[in-house]
Amino acid sequence: MGLRERKKAATRQALHEAAVRLAITHGADRITVEAIADEVGVSRRTFSNYFASKEEALLHGDQQRMGMLLDLVRARPADESPWTALTRAAQEYYRQAGELDPAWVAQTRLVRTLPALLAQQVSTFSALERELATEVAAREIKTDPSPVRARLMAATFMAAMRVAMHVWLDAPNEASLSAQVDRALAEAGRGFG
């Protein structure tokens, strides 16, 4: 990336981090776009150049994480079965992520309590699900060219990831998030093995 692109990425990240910080401190329903922009020292218009809403700014990290997961799926060997590629990409994702960022955990807990954030997250995850279905379809083309199986597999994968997250959030001391993800994917994948 050139200098201009790096500056834009830094501003986007600063806005996201400010949104998360303010939401954790004051509650997501109490923060405004103006407060986020003021926290970073930019105008409301500058904020709008990066995000359409405070919800989008808050969940920008989810979009980044999902993009990273998609890249890991794409990097899996072409001869790997689709479900194996999805599962191993998820395992690699959590291996690379290491310790969970407390701000991300707090943000994830916030999402569960606010309908507007939940709707934005569903939108973000739906976009990833479509891209995952495309990747799965490319791997399935020899055995099942129908888009139904690819879409079903991508949706099942995303549902398993979401369920694992919610189980972990409800009882974080019971097992690690990556262990919950492994268990959920193993259970969900029985029909795709």
C-alpha atoms as a PDB file:
ATOM      1  CA  MET A   1       0.000   0.000   0.000  1.00  0.00           C
ATOM      2  CA  GLY A   2       1.085   3.532  -0.701  1.00  0.00           C
ATOM      3  CA  LEU A   3       1.182   6.284   1.900  1.00  0.00           C
ATOM      4  CA  ARG A   4      -2.327   7.524   1.088  1.00  0.00           C
ATOM      5  CA  GLU A   5      -3.830   4.037   1.415  1.00  0.00           C
ATOM      6  CA  ARG A   6      -1.992   3.480   4.705  1.00  0.00           C
ATOM      7  CA  LYS A   7      -3.352   6.777   6.066  1.00  0.00           C
ATOM      8  CA  LYS A   8      -6.890   5.820   5.037  1.00  0.00           C
ATOM      9  CA  ALA A   9      -6.536   2.405   6.660  1.00  0.00           C
ATOM     10  CA  ALA A  10      -5.190   4.024   9.833  1.00  0.00           C
ATOM     11  CA  THR A  11      -8.115   6.479   9.965  1.00  0.00           C
ATOM     12  CA  ARG A  12     -10.638   3.678   9.411  1.00  0.00           C
ATOM     13  CA  GLN A  13      -9.013   1.619  12.168  1.00  0.00           C
ATOM     14  CA  ALA A  14      -8.900   4.610  14.538  1.00  0.00           C
ATOM     15  CA  LEU A  15     -12.611   5.264  13.973  1.00  0.00           C
ATOM     16  CA  HIS A  16     -13.409   1.607  14.609  1.00  0.00           C
ATOM     17  CA  GLU A  17     -11.336   1.501  17.791  1.00  0.00           C
ATOM     18  CA  ALA A  18     -12.902   4.753  19.045  1.00  0.00           C
ATOM     19  CA  ALA A  19     -16.386   3.368  18.380  1.00  0.00           C
ATOM     20  CA  VAL A  20     -15.597   0.200  20.323  1.00  0.00           C
ATOM     21  CA  ARG A  21     -13.978   2.120  23.184  1.00  0.00           C
ATOM     22  CA  LEU A  22     -16.928   4.524  23.488  1.00  0.00           C
ATOM     23  CA  ALA A  23     -19.496   1.726  23.209  1.00  0.00           C
ATOM     24  CA  ILE A  24     -17.816  -0.252  25.974  1.00  0.00           C
ATOM     25  CA  THR A  25     -17.562   2.817  28.203  1.00  0.00           C
ATOM     26  CA  HIS A  26     -20.963   4.425  27.573  1.00  0.00           C
ATOM     27  CA  GLY A  27     -23.053   1.753  25.870  1.00  0.00           C
ATOM     28  CA  ALA A  28     -23.476   1.339  22.136  1.00  0.00           C
ATOM     29  CA  ASP A  29     -26.956   2.828  22.184  1.00  0.00           C
ATOM     30  CA  ARG A  30     -25.637   6.032  23.798  1.00  0.00           C
ATOM     31  CA  ILE A  31     -22.804   6.882  21.422  1.00  0.00           C
ATOM     32  CA  THR A  32     -23.155   9.038  18.337  1.00  0.00           C
ATOM     33  CA  VAL A  33     -21.283   9.380  15.085  1.00  0.00           C
ATOM     34  CA  GLU A  34     -20.237  12.849  16.227  1.00  0.00           C
ATOM     35  CA  ALA A  35     -18.744  11.451  19.451  1.00  0.00           C
ATOM     36  CA  ILE A  36     -16.766   8.854  17.491  1.00  0.00           C
ATOM     37  CA  ALA A  37     -15.490  11.477  15.041  1.00  0.00           C
ATOM     38  CA  ASP A  38     -14.569  13.844  17.918  1.00  0.00           C
ATOM     39  CA  GLU A  39     -12.694  11.037  19.687  1.00  0.00           C
ATOM     40  CA  VAL A  40     -10.478  10.608  16.614  1.00  0.00           C
ATOM     41  CA  GLY A  41     -10.278  14.317  15.810  1.00  0.00           C
ATOM     42  CA  VAL A  42     -12.019  14.176  12.440  1.00  0.00           C
ATOM     43  CA  SER A  43     -15.219  15.675  11.085  1.00  0.00           C
ATOM     44  CA  ARG A  44     -18.592  13.957  10.758  1.00  0.00           C
ATOM     45  CA  ARG A  45     -18.098  14.105   7.008  1.00  0.00           C
ATOM     46  CA  THR A  46     -14.768  12.292   7.294  1.00  0.00           C
ATOM     47  CA  PHE A  47     -16.486   9.622   9.394  1.00  0.00           C
ATOM     48  CA  SER A  48     -19.084   9.236   6.631  1.00  0.00           C
ATOM     49  CA  ASN A  49     -16.328   8.688   4.071  1.00  0.00           C
ATOM     50  CA  TYR A  50     -15.403   5.512   5.945  1.00  0.00           C
ATOM     51  CA  PHE A  51     -18.602   4.198   7.516  1.00  0.00           C
ATOM     52  CA  ALA A  52     -22.312   4.546   6.804  1.00  0.00           C
ATOM     53  CA  SER A  53     -23.287   4.256  10.474  1.00  0.00           C
ATOM     54  CA  LYS A  54     -21.940   3.867  13.987  1.00  0.00           C
ATOM     55  CA  GLU A  55     -22.986   0.195  13.826  1.00  0.00           C
ATOM     56  CA  GLU A  56     -20.809  -0.343  10.772  1.00  0.00           C
ATOM     57  CA  ALA A  57     -17.889   1.357  12.537  1.00  0.00           C
ATOM     58  CA  LEU A  58     -18.385  -0.796  15.618  1.00  0.00           C
ATOM     59  CA  LEU A  59     -18.403  -4.013  13.601  1.00  0.00           C
ATOM     60  CA  HIS A  60     -15.544  -3.159  11.261  1.00  0.00           C
ATOM     61  CA  GLY A  61     -13.345  -5.562  13.238  1.00  0.00           C
ATOM     62  CA  ASP A  62     -15.767  -8.404  12.480  1.00  0.00           C
ATOM     63  CA  GLN A  63     -15.471  -7.605   8.789  1.00  0.00           C
ATOM     64  CA  GLN A  64     -11.672  -7.670   9.045  1.00  0.00           C
ATOM     65  CA  ARG A  65     -11.700 -10.987  10.921  1.00  0.00           C
ATOM     66  CA  MET A  66     -14.110 -12.531   8.440  1.00  0.00           C
ATOM     67  CA  GLY A  67     -11.922 -11.350   5.559  1.00  0.00           C
ATOM     68  CA  MET A  68      -8.950 -13.005   7.213  1.00  0.00           C
ATOM     69  CA  LEU A  69     -10.912 -16.247   7.582  1.00  0.00           C
ATOM     70  CA  LEU A  70     -11.934 -16.113   3.921  1.00  0.00           C
ATOM     71  CA  ASP A  71      -8.292 -15.624   2.893  1.00  0.00           C
ATOM     72  CA  LEU A  72      -7.348 -18.699   4.941  1.00  0.00           C
ATOM     73  CA  VAL A  73     -10.038 -20.753   3.192  1.00  0.00           C
ATOM     74  CA  ARG A  74      -8.761 -19.599  -0.197  1.00  0.00           C
ATOM     75  CA  ALA A  75      -5.209 -20.564   0.785  1.00  0.00           C
ATOM     76  CA  ARG A  76      -6.149 -24.170   1.580  1.00  0.00           C
ATOM     77  CA  PRO A  77      -4.953 -26.828  -0.913  1.00  0.00           C
ATOM     78  CA  ALA A  78      -7.261 -27.127  -3.918  1.00  0.00           C
ATOM     79  CA  ASP A  79      -7.616 -30.896  -3.524  1.00  0.00           C
ATOM     80  CA  GLU A  80      -8.894 -30.604   0.061  1.00  0.00           C
ATOM     81  CA  SER A  81     -12.592 -31.338   0.516  1.00  0.00           C
ATOM     82  CA  PRO A  82     -14.699 -28.221   1.127  1.00  0.00           C
ATOM     83  CA  TRP A  83     -15.636 -29.028   4.732  1.00  0.00           C
ATOM     84  CA  THR A  84     -12.054 -29.943   5.581  1.00  0.00           C
ATOM     85  CA  ALA A  85     -10.835 -26.687   4.032  1.00  0.00           C
ATOM     86  CA  LEU A  86     -13.376 -24.684   6.053  1.00  0.00           C
ATOM     87  CA  THR A  87     -12.554 -26.491   9.291  1.00  0.00           C
ATOM     88  CA  ARG A  88      -8.795 -26.234   8.892  1.00  0.00           C
ATOM     89  CA  ALA A  89      -9.052 -22.563   7.949  1.00  0.00           C
ATOM     90  CA  ALA A  90     -11.050 -21.938  11.150  1.00  0.00           C
ATOM     91  CA  GLN A  91      -8.440 -23.814  13.204  1.00  0.00           C
ATOM     92  CA  GLU A  92      -5.649 -21.801  11.594  1.00  0.00           C
ATOM     93  CA  TYR A  93      -7.572 -18.593  12.180  1.00  0.00           C
ATOM     94  CA  TYR A  94      -7.818 -19.234  15.927  1.00  0.00           C
ATOM     95  CA  ARG A  95      -4.206 -20.404  16.071  1.00  0.00           C
ATOM     96  CA  GLN A  96      -3.072 -17.136  14.463  1.00  0.00           C
ATOM     97  CA  ALA A  97      -5.413 -15.026  16.595  1.00  0.00           C
ATOM     98  CA  GLY A  98      -3.849 -16.275  19.831  1.00  0.00           C
ATOM     99  CA  GLU A  99      -5.182 -14.527  22.916  1.00  0.00           C
ATOM    100  CA  LEU A 100      -8.554 -12.904  22.373  1.00  0.00           C
ATOM    101  CA  ASP A 101      -8.630  -9.126  22.518  1.00  0.00           C
ATOM    102  CA  PRO A 102     -10.731  -8.122  25.568  1.00  0.00           C
ATOM    103  CA  ALA A 103     -12.237  -5.216  23.598  1.00  0.00           C
ATOM    104  CA  TRP A 104     -13.397  -7.656  20.903  1.00  0.00           C
ATOM    105  CA  VAL A 105     -14.955  -9.920  23.535  1.00  0.00           C
ATOM    106  CA  ALA A 106     -16.733  -6.922  25.101  1.00  0.00           C
ATOM    107  CA  GLN A 107     -17.903  -5.784  21.656  1.00  0.00           C
ATOM    108  CA  THR A 108     -19.204  -9.273  20.886  1.00  0.00           C
ATOM    109  CA  ARG A 109     -21.165  -9.260  24.131  1.00  0.00           C
ATOM    110  CA  LEU A 110     -22.600  -5.830  23.198  1.00  0.00           C
ATOM    111  CA  VAL A 111     -23.776  -7.117  19.817  1.00  0.00           C
ATOM    112  CA  ARG A 112     -25.958  -9.708  21.518  1.00  0.00           C
ATOM    113  CA  THR A 113     -27.868  -7.003  23.403  1.00  0.00           C
ATOM    114  CA  LEU A 114     -28.653  -4.469  20.670  1.00  0.00           C
ATOM    115  CA  PRO A 115     -30.889  -5.225  17.680  1.00  0.00           C
ATOM    116  CA  ALA A 116     -29.230  -2.606  15.421  1.00  0.00           C
ATOM    117  CA  LEU A 117     -25.799  -4.115  16.004  1.00  0.00           C
ATOM    118  CA  LEU A 118     -27.119  -7.621  15.546  1.00  0.00           C
ATOM    119  CA  ALA A 119     -28.682  -6.629  12.215  1.00  0.00           C
ATOM    120  CA  GLN A 120     -25.395  -5.113  11.038  1.00  0.00           C
ATOM    121  CA  GLN A 121     -23.521  -8.248  12.084  1.00  0.00           C
ATOM    122  CA  VAL A 122     -25.988 -10.465  10.219  1.00  0.00           C
ATOM    123  CA  SER A 123     -25.380  -8.352   7.112  1.00  0.00           C
ATOM    124  CA  THR A 124     -21.593  -8.698   7.487  1.00  0.00           C
ATOM    125  CA  PHE A 125     -21.811 -12.442   8.024  1.00  0.00           C
ATOM    126  CA  SER A 126     -24.239 -12.892   5.108  1.00  0.00           C
ATOM    127  CA  ALA A 127     -21.719 -11.312   2.764  1.00  0.00           C
ATOM    128  CA  LEU A 128     -19.032 -13.688   4.030  1.00  0.00           C
ATOM    129  CA  GLU A 129     -21.396 -16.627   3.689  1.00  0.00           C
ATOM    130  CA  ARG A 130     -21.929 -15.807  -0.014  1.00  0.00           C
ATOM    131  CA  GLU A 131     -18.185 -15.606  -0.596  1.00  0.00           C
ATOM    132  CA  LEU A 132     -17.612 -18.869   1.267  1.00  0.00           C
ATOM    133  CA  ALA A 133     -20.315 -20.528  -0.852  1.00  0.00           C
ATOM    134  CA  THR A 134     -18.408 -19.439  -3.965  1.00  0.00           C
ATOM    135  CA  GLU A 135     -15.211 -20.998  -2.597  1.00  0.00           C
ATOM    136  CA  VAL A 136     -17.027 -24.198  -1.648  1.00  0.00           C
ATOM    137  CA  ALA A 137     -18.693 -24.389  -5.068  1.00  0.00           C
ATOM    138  CA  ALA A 138     -15.302 -24.177  -6.757  1.00  0.00           C
ATOM    139  CA  ARG A 139     -14.179 -27.210  -4.740  1.00  0.00           C
ATOM    140  CA  GLU A 140     -17.460 -29.086  -5.248  1.00  0.00           C
ATOM    141  CA  ILE A 141     -17.795 -28.541  -8.993  1.00  0.00           C
ATOM    142  CA  LYS A 142     -16.594 -32.077  -9.798  1.00  0.00           C
ATOM    143  CA  THR A 143     -18.917 -33.878  -7.400  1.00  0.00           C
ATOM    144  CA  ASP A 144     -21.962 -31.600  -7.116  1.00  0.00           C
ATOM    145  CA  PRO A 145     -22.269 -28.611  -9.472  1.00  0.00           C
ATOM    146  CA  SER A 146     -25.571 -27.562  -7.833  1.00  0.00           C
ATOM    147  CA  PRO A 147     -25.258 -24.357  -5.783  1.00  0.00           C
ATOM    148  CA  VAL A 148     -27.549 -25.777  -3.072  1.00  0.00           C
ATOM    149  CA  ARG A 149     -24.882 -27.924  -1.397  1.00  0.00           C
ATOM    150  CA  ALA A 150     -22.276 -25.135  -1.509  1.00  0.00           C
ATOM    151  CA  ARG A 151     -24.657 -22.596   0.002  1.00  0.00           C
ATOM    152  CA  LEU A 152     -25.870 -25.033   2.611  1.00  0.00           C
ATOM    153  CA  MET A 153     -22.301 -25.881   3.577  1.00  0.00           C
ATOM    154  CA  ALA A 154     -21.296 -22.219   3.899  1.00  0.00           C
ATOM    155  CA  ALA A 155     -24.419 -21.438   5.951  1.00  0.00           C
ATOM    156  CA  THR A 156     -23.821 -24.449   8.198  1.00  0.00           C
ATOM    157  CA  PHE A 157     -20.205 -23.434   8.720  1.00  0.00           C
ATOM    158  CA  MET A 158     -21.196 -19.883   9.679  1.00  0.00           C
ATOM    159  CA  ALA A 159     -23.951 -21.159  11.994  1.00  0.00           C
ATOM    160  CA  ALA A 160     -21.497 -23.511  13.727  1.00  0.00           C
ATOM    161  CA  MET A 161     -19.029 -20.657  14.214  1.00  0.00           C
ATOM    162  CA  ARG A 162     -21.782 -18.436  15.643  1.00  0.00           C
ATOM    163  CA  VAL A 163     -23.096 -21.153  17.975  1.00  0.00           C
ATOM    164  CA  ALA A 164     -19.571 -21.871  19.236  1.00  0.00           C
ATOM    165  CA  MET A 165     -19.102 -18.169  19.974  1.00  0.00           C
ATOM    166  CA  HIS A 166     -22.376 -17.937  21.903  1.00  0.00           C
ATOM    167  CA  VAL A 167     -21.660 -21.107  23.895  1.00  0.00           C
ATOM    168  CA  TRP A 168     -18.225 -19.751  24.767  1.00  0.00           C
ATOM    169  CA  LEU A 169     -19.581 -16.310  25.727  1.00  0.00           C
ATOM    170  CA  ASP A 170     -22.098 -17.985  28.047  1.00  0.00           C
ATOM    171  CA  ALA A 171     -19.398 -20.104  29.756  1.00  0.00           C
ATOM    172  CA  PRO A 172     -15.892 -18.855  28.870  1.00  0.00           C
ATOM    173  CA  ASN A 173     -14.192 -20.896  31.586  1.00  0.00           C
ATOM    174  CA  GLU A 174     -15.631 -24.206  30.407  1.00  0.00           C
ATOM    175  CA  ALA A 175     -13.471 -24.506  27.275  1.00  0.00           C
ATOM    176  CA  SER A 176     -11.475 -22.223  25.009  1.00  0.00           C
ATOM    177  CA  LEU A 177     -13.214 -20.569  22.083  1.00  0.00           C
ATOM    178  CA  SER A 178     -11.112 -22.556  19.620  1.00  0.00           C
ATOM    179  CA  ALA A 179     -12.117 -25.802  21.382  1.00  0.00           C
ATOM    180  CA  GLN A 180     -15.782 -24.803  21.147  1.00  0.00           C
ATOM    181  CA  VAL A 181     -15.331 -24.006  17.447  1.00  0.00           C
ATOM    182  CA  ASP A 182     -13.675 -27.390  16.839  1.00  0.00           C
ATOM    183  CA  ARG A 183     -16.529 -29.179  18.589  1.00  0.00           C
ATOM    184  CA  ALA A 184     -19.249 -27.234  16.762  1.00  0.00           C
ATOM    185  CA  LEU A 185     -17.618 -27.764  13.368  1.00  0.00           C
ATOM    186  CA  ALA A 186     -17.160 -31.489  14.039  1.00  0.00           C
ATOM    187  CA  GLU A 187     -20.838 -31.814  14.950  1.00  0.00           C
ATOM    188  CA  ALA A 188     -22.046 -29.711  12.018  1.00  0.00           C
ATOM    189  CA  GLY A 189     -19.712 -31.362   9.521  1.00  0.00           C
ATOM    190  CA  ARG A 190     -20.977 -34.909   9.950  1.00  0.00           C
ATOM    191  CA  GLY A 191     -23.252 -34.502   6.945  1.00  0.00           C
ATOM    192  CA  PHE A 192     -20.494 -33.013   4.771  1.00  0.00           C
ATOM    193  CA  GLY A 193     -17.677 -35.469   5.483  1.00  0.00           C
END
